[in-house]
Structure formats: C-alpha cells, structure tokens
Amino acid sequence: MSTTLPEPTGSLLLRTLAMPADTNANGDIFGGWIMSQLDLAGGILAKEISSGRIATVSVSSIEFKKPVKVGDVVCCYGECTRIGRTSMSIHLEVWVKPVKEDGVKDRFMVCKATFNYVAIDSQGRPRPIKPE
C-alpha cells in the first residue's frame, strides 16, 4: 500500500534557517519573522512575473498551523493564483524540515498565506503587467 505524503504547492522560492535571534517569548520563531520570509518569497515571484518593481499591497489571509523551532530549515513555496491589469495574488506556504538527531528529516507545512502585490513604475505608481 502506497502512502502519498503531502507536497508543497508551487515552486521553492526561498530557503533559510530559523535562528535564535528570531524567537518570541515562548522560544519559538516569531510569527512576524515568518511573515517577512513570506513577503520576500512572494516578492521574488511577483517581480519575476511583472518584470520589474513591485510593492506589497495587502495580505488576504495568513494561517499559522504549527510553531517553527530554532534550527529548522524554513522553505517558502508559492504560485501565482491571479494576475490583474496591475496586480497579482500569490499563494504562499511555509514548510519546515526539522533536523533531528535520529536523522529523520520529515517536512511539514507550518503556515499558508495569500499576499497581493502591485507592479509599480519608477515613481511608485501602478503600471500594467505585460502578459507573457
């Protein structure tokens, strides 16, 4: 019997390490740090799609499912779910790979979100996104 494990949605956009300086009062990784990693990852994809400058305009949703621990490898995956005339929505997921002493490296999702970006010109005004 084959068991299919869940897989991240979209492409790997960013990979980093959760460090002690990023912890909250509980000793887990601060949710604001996770949000900044999501914004970096989404911004990379939005910039590629729009072929230029972008700005984050909103976060439609964010759901924290499990805590992230110091030493976890944090991987941000994403895919574009909507492209408008000047804006786009990016679905993002954070998966972690805890490094355990027993050698097991199971990954699991800890957060998912939808970030919205707008393409901007050199003066910071919205500009059309050219279709590929």
Protein backbone atom coordinates (compact mmCIF):
# COMPACT_ATOMS: atom_id res chain seq x y z
CA MET A 1 0.00 0.00 0.00
CA SER A 2 1.46 3.34 -1.08
CA THR A 3 1.04 6.34 1.18
CA THR A 4 1.29 9.69 -0.56
CA LEU A 5 2.74 12.40 1.65
CA PRO A 6 1.51 15.96 1.25
CA GLU A 7 3.60 18.14 -1.04
CA PRO A 8 4.14 21.90 -1.12
CA THR A 9 2.11 23.94 -3.60
CA GLY A 10 4.11 25.83 -6.20
CA SER A 11 7.84 26.34 -6.62
CA LEU A 12 10.54 26.72 -4.00
CA LEU A 13 11.13 30.47 -3.78
CA LEU A 14 13.22 30.91 -0.63
CA ARG A 15 15.12 28.73 1.84
CA THR A 16 16.67 29.86 5.12
CA LEU A 17 17.49 28.77 8.65
CA ALA A 18 15.48 29.73 11.76
CA MET A 19 17.93 31.31 14.21
CA PRO A 20 17.78 32.10 17.97
CA ALA A 21 17.58 35.86 17.31
CA ASP A 22 14.21 35.27 15.56
CA THR A 23 12.40 33.82 18.61
CA ASN A 24 9.41 35.10 20.55
CA ALA A 25 8.87 34.98 24.33
CA ASN A 26 7.90 31.28 24.08
CA GLY A 27 11.19 30.35 22.43
CA ASP A 28 9.51 29.59 19.08
CA ILE A 29 10.18 31.56 15.90
CA PHE A 30 8.30 34.87 15.90
CA GLY A 31 5.30 35.00 13.54
CA GLY A 32 6.44 38.38 12.22
CA TRP A 33 9.70 36.81 11.05
CA ILE A 34 7.70 34.13 9.20
CA MET A 35 5.59 36.87 7.58
CA SER A 36 8.73 38.69 6.41
CA GLN A 37 10.05 35.49 4.83
CA LEU A 38 6.70 35.02 3.07
CA ASP A 39 6.83 38.59 1.77
CA LEU A 40 10.39 38.12 0.49
CA ALA A 41 9.43 34.89 -1.27
CA GLY A 42 6.22 36.31 -2.76
CA GLY A 43 8.04 39.46 -3.81
CA ILE A 44 10.60 37.41 -5.73
CA LEU A 45 7.86 35.67 -7.72
CA ALA A 46 5.84 38.88 -8.22
CA LYS A 47 8.93 40.70 -9.51
CA GLU A 48 9.61 37.89 -11.99
CA ILE A 49 6.01 37.87 -13.20
CA SER A 50 5.80 41.66 -13.60
CA SER A 51 9.34 42.04 -14.98
CA GLY A 52 10.09 44.95 -12.68
CA ARG A 53 9.41 46.73 -9.43
CA ILE A 54 6.56 45.63 -7.21
CA ALA A 55 5.04 46.64 -3.89
CA THR A 56 3.15 44.57 -1.35
CA VAL A 57 -0.38 45.97 -1.03
CA SER A 58 -2.08 43.50 1.31
CA VAL A 59 -2.20 40.09 2.87
CA SER A 60 -5.58 38.48 2.16
CA SER A 61 -5.09 35.63 4.58
CA ILE A 62 -2.48 34.03 6.77
CA GLU A 63 -2.81 30.90 8.86
CA PHE A 64 -0.18 29.68 11.30
CA LYS A 65 -0.58 25.92 11.73
CA LYS A 66 2.42 24.83 13.82
CA PRO A 67 5.34 26.53 15.55
CA VAL A 68 8.76 26.80 13.93
CA LYS A 69 11.72 25.86 16.10
CA VAL A 70 15.25 27.23 16.18
CA GLY A 71 17.38 25.25 13.75
CA ASP A 72 14.51 24.31 11.42
CA VAL A 73 15.18 24.76 7.71
CA VAL A 74 12.41 27.12 6.56
CA CYS A 75 11.29 26.73 2.92
CA CYS A 76 8.83 29.10 1.24
CA TYR A 77 6.89 27.82 -1.76
CA GLY A 78 4.48 29.77 -3.90
CA GLU A 79 2.43 30.14 -7.03
CA CYS A 80 0.57 32.98 -8.66
CA THR A 81 -3.20 32.48 -8.40
CA ARG A 82 -4.40 35.71 -10.05
CA ILE A 83 -2.98 38.32 -12.39
CA GLY A 84 -4.95 41.51 -12.97
CA ARG A 85 -4.06 44.59 -15.01
CA THR A 86 -1.55 45.92 -12.44
CA SER A 87 -1.76 43.49 -9.52
CA MET A 88 -1.41 39.83 -8.68
CA SER A 89 -2.13 37.40 -5.84
CA ILE A 90 0.46 34.87 -4.72
CA HIS A 91 -0.43 31.78 -2.66
CA LEU A 92 2.45 31.01 -0.31
CA GLU A 93 3.28 28.13 2.01
CA VAL A 94 6.00 27.72 4.62
CA TRP A 95 7.30 24.21 5.10
CA VAL A 96 9.98 23.25 7.57
CA LYS A 97 12.50 20.47 7.64
CA PRO A 98 13.46 19.92 11.26
CA VAL A 99 16.91 18.44 11.64
CA LYS A 100 16.58 15.72 14.24
CA GLU A 101 19.31 13.75 15.92
CA ASP A 102 17.77 10.47 14.74
CA GLY A 103 18.39 11.53 11.14
CA VAL A 104 14.69 11.76 10.24
CA LYS A 105 14.06 14.77 8.00
CA ASP A 106 10.29 14.82 7.53
CA ARG A 107 8.98 18.12 6.26
CA PHE A 108 5.62 19.63 7.09
CA MET A 109 3.64 22.82 6.43
CA VAL A 110 3.60 25.39 9.24
CA CYS A 111 1.93 28.36 7.55
CA LYS A 112 -0.02 29.39 4.45
CA ALA A 113 -0.96 32.81 3.18
CA THR A 114 -2.09 34.90 0.23
CA PHE A 115 -0.10 38.07 -0.46
CA ASN A 116 -1.17 40.71 -3.00
CA TYR A 117 1.33 42.76 -5.00
CA VAL A 118 1.08 45.62 -7.47
CA ALA A 119 3.54 46.33 -10.27
CA ILE A 120 4.93 49.86 -9.95
CA ASP A 121 6.91 52.25 -12.13
CA SER A 122 9.96 54.29 -11.11
CA GLN A 123 7.70 56.88 -9.43
CA GLY A 124 5.88 54.21 -7.41
CA ARG A 125 2.67 54.40 -9.45
CA PRO A 126 0.83 51.25 -10.59
CA ARG A 127 1.86 50.04 -14.04
CA PRO A 128 0.35 47.38 -16.29
CA ILE A 129 1.68 43.83 -16.09
CA LYS A 130 2.62 42.71 -19.58
CA PRO A 131 1.31 39.22 -20.43
CA GLU A 132 3.99 36.64 -21.19
